[in-house]
Amino acid sequence: MYKILTHLFRSLFPQLDHIIKKVDELEHKIFKGKQEELVSEISLYRREAIDFKRIVGPNIKILEEIKENPSEFFGEDIAPYFHELHTVNSRLISLIESQTETLLVLHETNESILSNKLSNIMKILTMFSVIVFPLTLFASIWGMNVENMPLVGHQQDFWVLIGMMGIGTFLMLMIFKM
């Protein structure tokens, strides 16, 4: 039984190494500007790490029980073997918990970067709407079909309206710049 369990636990290390390698790759990718793609990758490897922990985790209690009371199950001479199995399983759990925490931090970092990008996009769109607002306002007012519209029919009416639009835009930019 010891050999079977030893082989089983040792066969889990390549899977764990795969997860560790992927986490390292994600750490290097996170600041290279492809955060949208990383959302699904991080989620995938978080799920893998959690599944791995779910598989390995329950073994620790069983091995602790056998390690503490070996005579109850197998005999005193087998205790060192189960102590070793307990140590290997504890190491697996420790490593996977470390990777799970790293993936959580990577997820939070990625979300923060995406949030910052979204904030910058919203700032640009807000500035655009601020620039367009006075232009739209002046165009709407002087586009009405009413009699006795100020400046209409004046020799320089077009340029006066363009100047008013420019001044309005400039004032809006200055107000929001502060």
N, C-alpha and C. Protein backbone atom coordinates (compact mmCIF):
# COMPACT_ATOMS: atom_id res chain seq x y z
N MET A 1 0.82 -1.19 0.00
CA MET A 1 0.00 0.00 0.00
C MET A 1 0.87 1.26 0.00
N TYR A 2 1.97 1.21 0.76
CA TYR A 2 2.88 2.36 0.82
C TYR A 2 3.41 2.68 -0.57
N LYS A 3 3.81 1.66 -1.30
CA LYS A 3 4.37 1.88 -2.64
C LYS A 3 3.33 2.47 -3.59
N ILE A 4 2.12 2.00 -3.47
CA ILE A 4 1.05 2.52 -4.32
C ILE A 4 0.81 4.00 -4.01
N LEU A 5 0.70 4.33 -2.73
CA LEU A 5 0.46 5.72 -2.34
C LEU A 5 1.65 6.61 -2.69
N THR A 6 2.86 6.10 -2.50
CA THR A 6 4.06 6.87 -2.86
C THR A 6 4.05 7.17 -4.35
N HIS A 7 3.77 6.15 -5.14
CA HIS A 7 3.72 6.34 -6.59
C HIS A 7 2.61 7.34 -6.97
N LEU A 8 1.48 7.21 -6.30
CA LEU A 8 0.36 8.12 -6.57
C LEU A 8 0.74 9.57 -6.27
N PHE A 9 1.31 9.80 -5.09
CA PHE A 9 1.67 11.17 -4.71
C PHE A 9 2.78 11.72 -5.59
N ARG A 10 3.74 10.90 -5.89
CA ARG A 10 4.85 11.37 -6.73
C ARG A 10 4.39 11.63 -8.17
N SER A 11 3.36 10.93 -8.61
CA SER A 11 2.84 11.16 -9.96
C SER A 11 2.09 12.49 -10.06
N LEU A 12 1.74 13.07 -8.92
CA LEU A 12 1.06 14.36 -8.92
C LEU A 12 2.01 15.53 -9.14
N PHE A 13 3.29 15.33 -8.87
CA PHE A 13 4.26 16.43 -9.02
C PHE A 13 4.37 16.96 -10.45
N PRO A 14 4.34 16.11 -11.49
CA PRO A 14 4.37 16.68 -12.85
C PRO A 14 3.16 17.59 -13.14
N GLN A 15 1.99 17.21 -12.63
CA GLN A 15 0.81 18.07 -12.80
C GLN A 15 1.02 19.39 -12.08
N LEU A 16 1.55 19.31 -10.89
CA LEU A 16 1.82 20.52 -10.11
C LEU A 16 2.88 21.37 -10.80
N ASP A 17 3.90 20.73 -11.35
CA ASP A 17 4.93 21.47 -12.09
C ASP A 17 4.33 22.20 -13.30
N HIS A 18 3.37 21.55 -13.95
CA HIS A 18 2.67 22.17 -15.09
C HIS A 18 1.95 23.44 -14.63
N ILE A 19 1.25 23.35 -13.51
CA ILE A 19 0.53 24.52 -12.99
C ILE A 19 1.52 25.62 -12.61
N ILE A 20 2.62 25.25 -11.95
CA ILE A 20 3.63 26.24 -11.54
C ILE A 20 4.21 26.93 -12.76
N LYS A 21 4.50 26.15 -13.81
CA LYS A 21 5.05 26.72 -15.04
C LYS A 21 4.07 27.70 -15.68
N LYS A 22 2.80 27.34 -15.72
CA LYS A 22 1.79 28.22 -16.31
C LYS A 22 1.61 29.49 -15.48
N VAL A 23 1.69 29.37 -14.17
CA VAL A 23 1.57 30.56 -13.32
C VAL A 23 2.75 31.50 -13.58
N ASP A 24 3.94 30.94 -13.72
CA ASP A 24 5.11 31.76 -14.05
C ASP A 24 4.94 32.47 -15.39
N GLU A 25 4.39 31.76 -16.38
CA GLU A 25 4.14 32.37 -17.69
C GLU A 25 3.13 33.51 -17.58
N LEU A 26 2.09 33.29 -16.78
CA LEU A 26 1.09 34.34 -16.59
C LEU A 26 1.70 35.56 -15.92
N GLU A 27 2.60 35.34 -14.96
CA GLU A 27 3.27 36.46 -14.30
C GLU A 27 4.04 37.31 -15.31
N HIS A 28 4.67 36.66 -16.26
CA HIS A 28 5.46 37.39 -17.25
C HIS A 28 4.56 38.08 -18.29
N LYS A 29 3.40 37.48 -18.59
CA LYS A 29 2.51 38.03 -19.60
C LYS A 29 1.68 39.22 -19.11
N ILE A 30 1.47 39.30 -17.81
CA ILE A 30 0.46 40.22 -17.28
C ILE A 30 0.72 41.68 -17.61
N PHE A 31 1.97 42.08 -17.75
CA PHE A 31 2.27 43.48 -18.02
C PHE A 31 2.62 43.73 -19.48
N LYS A 32 2.29 42.78 -20.35
CA LYS A 32 2.62 42.94 -21.76
C LYS A 32 1.45 43.44 -22.61
N GLY A 33 0.37 43.87 -21.97
CA GLY A 33 -0.72 44.52 -22.69
C GLY A 33 -1.81 43.63 -23.24
N LYS A 34 -1.87 42.38 -22.82
CA LYS A 34 -2.92 41.49 -23.31
C LYS A 34 -3.78 41.01 -22.15
N GLN A 35 -4.23 41.94 -21.33
CA GLN A 35 -4.97 41.60 -20.12
C GLN A 35 -6.32 40.95 -20.42
N GLU A 36 -6.95 41.33 -21.52
CA GLU A 36 -8.25 40.76 -21.85
C GLU A 36 -8.13 39.25 -22.08
N GLU A 37 -7.06 38.82 -22.74
CA GLU A 37 -6.84 37.40 -23.00
C GLU A 37 -6.50 36.66 -21.72
N LEU A 38 -5.85 37.34 -20.80
CA LEU A 38 -5.40 36.69 -19.57
C LEU A 38 -6.53 36.39 -18.60
N VAL A 39 -7.65 37.07 -18.73
CA VAL A 39 -8.76 36.83 -17.82
C VAL A 39 -9.17 35.37 -17.86
N SER A 40 -9.36 34.83 -19.05
CA SER A 40 -9.78 33.43 -19.17
C SER A 40 -8.66 32.47 -18.79
N GLU A 41 -7.42 32.81 -19.13
CA GLU A 41 -6.29 31.95 -18.76
C GLU A 41 -6.13 31.86 -17.25
N ILE A 42 -6.20 33.00 -16.59
CA ILE A 42 -6.07 33.00 -15.13
C ILE A 42 -7.19 32.19 -14.50
N SER A 43 -8.41 32.37 -15.00
CA SER A 43 -9.55 31.62 -14.47
C SER A 43 -9.37 30.12 -14.68
N LEU A 44 -8.87 29.74 -15.83
CA LEU A 44 -8.65 28.33 -16.13
C LEU A 44 -7.64 27.71 -15.16
N TYR A 45 -6.52 28.39 -14.93
CA TYR A 45 -5.50 27.83 -14.05
C TYR A 45 -5.89 27.93 -12.58
N ARG A 46 -6.72 28.90 -12.25
CA ARG A 46 -7.25 28.94 -10.87
C ARG A 46 -8.13 27.72 -10.64
N ARG A 47 -8.95 27.40 -11.63
CA ARG A 47 -9.81 26.22 -11.50
C ARG A 47 -8.98 24.95 -11.41
N GLU A 48 -7.93 24.85 -12.22
CA GLU A 48 -7.04 23.68 -12.15
C GLU A 48 -6.40 23.56 -10.78
N ALA A 49 -5.92 24.67 -10.23
CA ALA A 49 -5.28 24.65 -8.92
C ALA A 49 -6.27 24.26 -7.84
N ILE A 50 -7.48 24.78 -7.92
CA ILE A 50 -8.51 24.44 -6.93
C ILE A 50 -8.89 22.97 -7.04
N ASP A 51 -9.04 22.46 -8.26
CA ASP A 51 -9.33 21.03 -8.45
C ASP A 51 -8.21 20.16 -7.90
N PHE A 52 -6.97 20.57 -8.14
CA PHE A 52 -5.82 19.82 -7.64
C PHE A 52 -5.85 19.79 -6.11
N LYS A 53 -6.12 20.94 -5.52
CA LYS A 53 -6.18 21.02 -4.05
C LYS A 53 -7.33 20.18 -3.52
N ARG A 54 -8.44 20.16 -4.24
CA ARG A 54 -9.60 19.37 -3.84
C ARG A 54 -9.27 17.87 -3.86
N ILE A 55 -8.42 17.46 -4.78
CA ILE A 55 -8.02 16.05 -4.87
C ILE A 55 -7.05 15.68 -3.76
N VAL A 56 -6.06 16.54 -3.53
CA VAL A 56 -4.98 16.22 -2.59
C VAL A 56 -5.36 16.53 -1.14
N GLY A 57 -6.17 17.54 -0.93
CA GLY A 57 -6.48 18.02 0.41
C GLY A 57 -7.02 16.99 1.39
N PRO A 58 -8.04 16.22 1.03
CA PRO A 58 -8.60 15.27 2.00
C PRO A 58 -7.62 14.18 2.46
N ASN A 59 -6.60 13.91 1.68
CA ASN A 59 -5.64 12.87 2.05
C ASN A 59 -4.88 13.20 3.32
N ILE A 60 -4.71 14.47 3.61
CA ILE A 60 -3.89 14.88 4.75
C ILE A 60 -4.48 14.38 6.06
N LYS A 61 -5.80 14.44 6.21
CA LYS A 61 -6.43 13.99 7.45
C LYS A 61 -6.31 12.48 7.61
N ILE A 62 -6.47 11.78 6.53
CA ILE A 62 -6.34 10.32 6.59
C ILE A 62 -4.91 9.94 6.97
N LEU A 63 -3.95 10.57 6.33
CA LEU A 63 -2.55 10.27 6.62
C LEU A 63 -2.16 10.69 8.04
N GLU A 64 -2.72 11.77 8.54
CA GLU A 64 -2.45 12.17 9.93
C GLU A 64 -2.98 11.12 10.89
N GLU A 65 -4.16 10.64 10.63
CA GLU A 65 -4.76 9.61 11.49
C GLU A 65 -3.92 8.34 11.49
N ILE A 66 -3.50 7.91 10.31
CA ILE A 66 -2.66 6.70 10.22
C ILE A 66 -1.31 6.95 10.87
N LYS A 67 -0.75 8.13 10.68
CA LYS A 67 0.57 8.46 11.24
C LYS A 67 0.52 8.47 12.77
N GLU A 68 -0.56 8.98 13.34
CA GLU A 68 -0.68 9.08 14.79
C GLU A 68 -1.04 7.74 15.44
N ASN A 69 -1.79 6.92 14.75
CA ASN A 69 -2.21 5.62 15.30
C ASN A 69 -1.90 4.49 14.33
N PRO A 70 -0.63 4.25 14.03
CA PRO A 70 -0.31 3.23 13.02
C PRO A 70 -0.67 1.81 13.47
N SER A 71 -0.57 1.54 14.76
CA SER A 71 -0.84 0.18 15.23
C SER A 71 -2.31 -0.16 15.05
N GLU A 72 -3.15 0.83 15.09
CA GLU A 72 -4.58 0.62 14.93
C GLU A 72 -4.91 0.10 13.54
N PHE A 73 -4.09 0.52 12.55
CA PHE A 73 -4.38 0.15 11.17
C PHE A 73 -3.42 -0.91 10.61
N PHE A 74 -2.11 -0.70 10.81
CA PHE A 74 -1.13 -1.56 10.13
C PHE A 74 -0.06 -2.14 11.06
N GLY A 75 0.26 -1.47 12.12
CA GLY A 75 1.35 -1.90 12.98
C GLY A 75 2.37 -0.79 13.13
N GLU A 76 3.13 -0.84 14.23
CA GLU A 76 4.09 0.22 14.55
C GLU A 76 5.23 0.34 13.54
N ASP A 77 5.64 -0.77 12.96
CA ASP A 77 6.79 -0.74 12.05
C ASP A 77 6.51 0.02 10.75
N ILE A 78 5.26 0.27 10.46
CA ILE A 78 4.90 0.97 9.22
C ILE A 78 4.80 2.49 9.42
N ALA A 79 4.86 2.98 10.66
CA ALA A 79 4.69 4.40 10.98
C ALA A 79 5.63 5.32 10.21
N PRO A 80 6.93 5.02 10.10
CA PRO A 80 7.82 5.94 9.36
C PRO A 80 7.42 6.12 7.89
N TYR A 81 6.87 5.08 7.31
CA TYR A 81 6.46 5.16 5.91
C TYR A 81 5.30 6.14 5.74
N PHE A 82 4.35 6.05 6.65
CA PHE A 82 3.21 6.96 6.56
C PHE A 82 3.58 8.38 6.96
N HIS A 83 4.60 8.50 7.81
CA HIS A 83 5.11 9.83 8.12
C HIS A 83 5.69 10.47 6.85
N GLU A 84 6.40 9.68 6.07
CA GLU A 84 6.96 10.19 4.81
C GLU A 84 5.84 10.56 3.83
N LEU A 85 4.81 9.70 3.74
CA LEU A 85 3.68 10.01 2.86
C LEU A 85 2.98 11.30 3.31
N HIS A 86 2.84 11.45 4.60
CA HIS A 86 2.23 12.67 5.14
C HIS A 86 3.06 13.89 4.77
N THR A 87 4.38 13.77 4.85
CA THR A 87 5.27 14.87 4.49
C THR A 87 5.14 15.23 3.01
N VAL A 88 5.11 14.22 2.15
CA VAL A 88 4.98 14.46 0.71
C VAL A 88 3.64 15.13 0.40
N ASN A 89 2.58 14.63 1.03
CA ASN A 89 1.25 15.21 0.80
C ASN A 89 1.19 16.64 1.33
N SER A 90 1.80 16.90 2.47
CA SER A 90 1.84 18.26 3.02
C SER A 90 2.58 19.20 2.08
N ARG A 91 3.64 18.71 1.50
CA ARG A 91 4.41 19.52 0.54
C ARG A 91 3.56 19.84 -0.70
N LEU A 92 2.84 18.84 -1.19
CA LEU A 92 1.95 19.07 -2.33
C LEU A 92 0.91 20.15 -2.00
N ILE A 93 0.31 20.03 -0.84
CA ILE A 93 -0.72 21.00 -0.44
C ILE A 93 -0.11 22.39 -0.29
N SER A 94 1.05 22.46 0.32
CA SER A 94 1.71 23.76 0.49
C SER A 94 2.02 24.40 -0.85
N LEU A 95 2.53 23.63 -1.79
CA LEU A 95 2.86 24.17 -3.11
C LEU A 95 1.61 24.63 -3.86
N ILE A 96 0.55 23.85 -3.80
CA ILE A 96 -0.65 24.22 -4.54
C ILE A 96 -1.34 25.43 -3.89
N GLU A 97 -1.28 25.53 -2.57
CA GLU A 97 -1.83 26.72 -1.90
C GLU A 97 -1.05 27.97 -2.31
N SER A 98 0.25 27.83 -2.41
CA SER A 98 1.08 28.95 -2.84
C SER A 98 0.70 29.39 -4.25
N GLN A 99 0.49 28.43 -5.14
CA GLN A 99 0.11 28.76 -6.52
C GLN A 99 -1.29 29.36 -6.59
N THR A 100 -2.18 28.86 -5.74
CA THR A 100 -3.54 29.40 -5.70
C THR A 100 -3.51 30.86 -5.26
N GLU A 101 -2.71 31.16 -4.24
CA GLU A 101 -2.58 32.54 -3.78
C GLU A 101 -1.95 33.42 -4.86
N THR A 102 -0.95 32.90 -5.54
CA THR A 102 -0.31 33.66 -6.62
C THR A 102 -1.31 33.95 -7.73
N LEU A 103 -2.13 32.96 -8.07
CA LEU A 103 -3.15 33.17 -9.10
C LEU A 103 -4.19 34.20 -8.66
N LEU A 104 -4.52 34.21 -7.39
CA LEU A 104 -5.45 35.21 -6.88
C LEU A 104 -4.86 36.61 -7.01
N VAL A 105 -3.59 36.76 -6.66
CA VAL A 105 -2.92 38.06 -6.78
C VAL A 105 -2.83 38.47 -8.25
N LEU A 106 -2.51 37.52 -9.13
CA LEU A 106 -2.45 37.83 -10.56
C LEU A 106 -3.82 38.26 -11.09
N HIS A 107 -4.86 37.59 -10.62
CA HIS A 107 -6.22 37.95 -11.03
C HIS A 107 -6.54 39.38 -10.58
N GLU A 108 -6.22 39.70 -9.34
CA GLU A 108 -6.49 41.05 -8.83
C GLU A 108 -5.67 42.10 -9.58
N THR A 109 -4.42 41.78 -9.87
CA THR A 109 -3.56 42.71 -10.62
C THR A 109 -4.11 42.92 -12.02
N ASN A 110 -4.51 41.84 -12.66
CA ASN A 110 -5.06 41.94 -14.01
C ASN A 110 -6.34 42.77 -14.02
N GLU A 111 -7.21 42.53 -13.04
CA GLU A 111 -8.44 43.31 -12.95
C GLU A 111 -8.14 44.79 -12.71
N SER A 112 -7.13 45.07 -11.91
CA SER A 112 -6.74 46.46 -11.66
C SER A 112 -6.24 47.13 -12.93
N ILE A 113 -5.44 46.42 -13.70
CA ILE A 113 -4.93 46.98 -14.96
C ILE A 113 -6.08 47.22 -15.94
N LEU A 114 -7.00 46.26 -16.03
CA LEU A 114 -8.15 46.43 -16.91
C LEU A 114 -9.02 47.60 -16.46
N SER A 115 -9.21 47.74 -15.16
CA SER A 115 -9.99 48.85 -14.63
C SER A 115 -9.33 50.19 -14.95
N ASN A 116 -8.01 50.23 -14.86
CA ASN A 116 -7.28 51.45 -15.18
C ASN A 116 -7.43 51.80 -16.66
N LYS A 117 -7.36 50.79 -17.52
CA LYS A 117 -7.56 51.03 -18.96
C LYS A 117 -8.96 51.56 -19.23
N LEU A 118 -9.95 50.95 -18.58
CA LEU A 118 -11.33 51.39 -18.76
C LEU A 118 -11.50 52.83 -18.28
N SER A 119 -10.87 53.16 -17.17
CA SER A 119 -10.92 54.53 -16.65
C SER A 119 -10.33 55.52 -17.64
N ASN A 120 -9.21 55.17 -18.25
CA ASN A 120 -8.59 56.05 -19.25
C ASN A 120 -9.49 56.22 -20.48
N ILE A 121 -10.13 55.15 -20.90
CA ILE A 121 -11.05 55.23 -22.04
C ILE A 121 -12.23 56.13 -21.70
N MET A 122 -12.76 55.98 -20.49
CA MET A 122 -13.88 56.82 -20.07
C MET A 122 -13.47 58.29 -20.00
N LYS A 123 -12.24 58.55 -19.58
CA LYS A 123 -11.75 59.93 -19.52
C LYS A 123 -11.70 60.53 -20.92
N ILE A 124 -11.22 59.76 -21.88
CA ILE A 124 -11.13 60.24 -23.26
C ILE A 124 -12.53 60.50 -23.82
N LEU A 125 -13.46 59.58 -23.58
CA LEU A 125 -14.82 59.76 -24.07
C LEU A 125 -15.50 60.96 -23.41
N THR A 126 -15.21 61.18 -22.14
CA THR A 126 -15.76 62.35 -21.45
C THR A 126 -15.22 63.64 -22.05
N MET A 127 -13.92 63.67 -22.30
CA MET A 127 -13.32 64.85 -22.92
C MET A 127 -13.93 65.11 -24.30
N PHE A 128 -14.15 64.05 -25.05
CA PHE A 128 -14.76 64.20 -26.37
C PHE A 128 -16.16 64.80 -26.24
N SER A 129 -16.94 64.29 -25.30
CA SER A 129 -18.30 64.82 -25.13
C SER A 129 -18.27 66.27 -24.66
N VAL A 130 -17.27 66.64 -23.85
CA VAL A 130 -17.14 68.03 -23.40
C VAL A 130 -16.82 68.94 -24.58
N ILE A 131 -16.00 68.47 -25.48
CA ILE A 131 -15.66 69.27 -26.66
C ILE A 131 -16.86 69.42 -27.58
N VAL A 132 -17.62 68.36 -27.74
CA VAL A 132 -18.74 68.37 -28.67
C VAL A 132 -19.96 69.12 -28.11
N PHE A 133 -20.12 69.17 -26.80
CA PHE A 133 -21.30 69.80 -26.21
C PHE A 133 -21.51 71.26 -26.64
N PRO A 134 -20.51 72.14 -26.47
CA PRO A 134 -20.76 73.54 -26.88
C PRO A 134 -21.03 73.67 -28.38
N LEU A 135 -20.36 72.85 -29.17
CA LEU A 135 -20.59 72.90 -30.62
C LEU A 135 -22.03 72.53 -30.94
N THR A 136 -22.51 71.49 -30.30
CA THR A 136 -23.88 71.04 -30.51
C THR A 136 -24.88 72.09 -30.02
N LEU A 137 -24.58 72.69 -28.89
CA LEU A 137 -25.48 73.71 -28.34
C LEU A 137 -25.62 74.90 -29.29
N PHE A 138 -24.48 75.45 -29.74
CA PHE A 138 -24.55 76.60 -30.65
C PHE A 138 -25.21 76.22 -31.98
N ALA A 139 -24.88 75.06 -32.50
CA ALA A 139 -25.47 74.64 -33.77
C ALA A 139 -26.98 74.46 -33.62
N SER A 140 -27.42 73.94 -32.49
CA SER A 140 -28.85 73.74 -32.26
C SER A 140 -29.59 75.06 -32.13
N ILE A 141 -28.99 75.99 -31.38
CA ILE A 141 -29.65 77.28 -31.18
C ILE A 141 -29.78 78.02 -32.51
N TRP A 142 -28.69 78.13 -33.27
CA TRP A 142 -28.74 78.89 -34.52
C TRP A 142 -29.32 78.08 -35.68
N GLY A 143 -29.66 76.83 -35.42
CA GLY A 143 -30.30 76.04 -36.46
C GLY A 143 -31.81 76.12 -36.40
N MET A 144 -32.35 76.79 -35.39
CA MET A 144 -33.81 76.92 -35.26
C MET A 144 -34.35 77.88 -36.31
N ASN A 145 -35.52 77.58 -36.79
CA ASN A 145 -36.18 78.45 -37.76
C ASN A 145 -37.09 79.44 -37.03
N VAL A 146 -36.47 80.47 -36.51
CA VAL A 146 -37.24 81.51 -35.83
C VAL A 146 -36.87 82.85 -36.43
N GLU A 147 -37.77 83.80 -36.30
CA GLU A 147 -37.49 85.15 -36.80
C GLU A 147 -36.67 85.90 -35.76
N ASN A 148 -35.95 86.89 -36.22
CA ASN A 148 -35.14 87.77 -35.38
C ASN A 148 -34.05 87.02 -34.61
N MET A 149 -33.41 86.08 -35.24
CA MET A 149 -32.27 85.37 -34.63
C MET A 149 -31.08 86.32 -34.62
N PRO A 150 -30.42 86.50 -33.47
CA PRO A 150 -29.26 87.40 -33.41
C PRO A 150 -28.16 86.92 -34.34
N LEU A 151 -27.46 87.84 -34.94
CA LEU A 151 -26.32 87.61 -35.82
C LEU A 151 -26.69 87.05 -37.19
N VAL A 152 -27.89 86.54 -37.37
CA VAL A 152 -28.27 85.99 -38.67
C VAL A 152 -28.44 87.15 -39.64
N GLY A 153 -27.79 87.08 -40.76
CA GLY A 153 -27.84 88.12 -41.76
C GLY A 153 -26.72 89.12 -41.62
N HIS A 154 -25.97 89.03 -40.57
CA HIS A 154 -24.80 89.89 -40.38
C HIS A 154 -23.73 89.44 -41.36
N GLN A 155 -22.88 90.36 -41.78
CA GLN A 155 -21.88 90.06 -42.80
C GLN A 155 -20.90 88.97 -42.33
N GLN A 156 -20.52 88.93 -41.08
CA GLN A 156 -19.54 87.96 -40.56
C GLN A 156 -20.20 86.93 -39.62
N ASP A 157 -21.50 86.65 -39.81
CA ASP A 157 -22.21 85.79 -38.88
C ASP A 157 -21.61 84.38 -38.75
N PHE A 158 -21.18 83.80 -39.84
CA PHE A 158 -20.58 82.46 -39.80
C PHE A 158 -19.34 82.45 -38.92
N TRP A 159 -18.46 83.42 -39.12
CA TRP A 159 -17.20 83.45 -38.37
C TRP A 159 -17.42 83.79 -36.90
N VAL A 160 -18.41 84.60 -36.63
CA VAL A 160 -18.74 84.91 -35.23
C VAL A 160 -19.23 83.65 -34.52
N LEU A 161 -20.10 82.88 -35.19
CA LEU A 161 -20.59 81.63 -34.59
C LEU A 161 -19.46 80.62 -34.39
N ILE A 162 -18.59 80.50 -35.36
CA ILE A 162 -17.44 79.60 -35.23
C ILE A 162 -16.56 80.04 -34.05
N GLY A 163 -16.34 81.33 -33.92
CA GLY A 163 -15.56 81.86 -32.80
C GLY A 163 -16.22 81.57 -31.47
N MET A 164 -17.55 81.75 -31.40
CA MET A 164 -18.27 81.46 -30.16
C MET A 164 -18.18 79.98 -29.81
N MET A 165 -18.27 79.13 -30.83
CA MET A 165 -18.13 77.69 -30.60
C MET A 165 -16.74 77.36 -30.08
N GLY A 166 -15.74 77.96 -30.66
CA GLY A 166 -14.36 77.72 -30.23
C GLY A 166 -14.12 78.19 -28.81
N ILE A 167 -14.63 79.39 -28.49
CA ILE A 167 -14.48 79.92 -27.13
C ILE A 167 -15.22 79.03 -26.12
N GLY A 168 -16.42 78.60 -26.49
CA GLY A 168 -17.19 77.70 -25.61
C GLY A 168 -16.46 76.39 -25.37
N THR A 169 -15.90 75.84 -26.43
CA THR A 169 -15.13 74.59 -26.30
C THR A 169 -13.91 74.80 -25.42
N PHE A 170 -13.20 75.90 -25.65
CA PHE A 170 -12.01 76.21 -24.86
C PHE A 170 -12.36 76.37 -23.38
N LEU A 171 -13.45 77.09 -23.10
CA LEU A 171 -13.87 77.28 -21.71
C LEU A 171 -14.23 75.96 -21.04
N MET A 172 -14.94 75.10 -21.76
CA MET A 172 -15.30 73.79 -21.21
C MET A 172 -14.05 72.96 -20.92
N LEU A 173 -13.09 72.99 -21.82
CA LEU A 173 -11.83 72.27 -21.60
C LEU A 173 -11.10 72.80 -20.38
N MET A 174 -11.07 74.11 -20.23
CA MET A 174 -10.37 74.72 -19.09
C MET A 174 -11.07 74.38 -17.77
N ILE A 175 -12.39 74.40 -17.78
CA ILE A 175 -13.14 74.07 -16.57
C ILE A 175 -12.87 72.64 -16.15
N PHE A 176 -12.92 71.70 -17.09
CA PHE A 176 -12.73 70.30 -16.75
C PHE A 176 -11.27 69.92 -16.57
N LYS A 177 -10.37 70.73 -17.07
CA LYS A 177 -8.93 70.47 -16.89
C LYS A 177 -8.56 70.68 -15.42
N MET A 178 -9.23 71.66 -14.77
CA MET A 178 -8.95 71.94 -13.36
C MET A 178 -9.50 70.83 -12.55
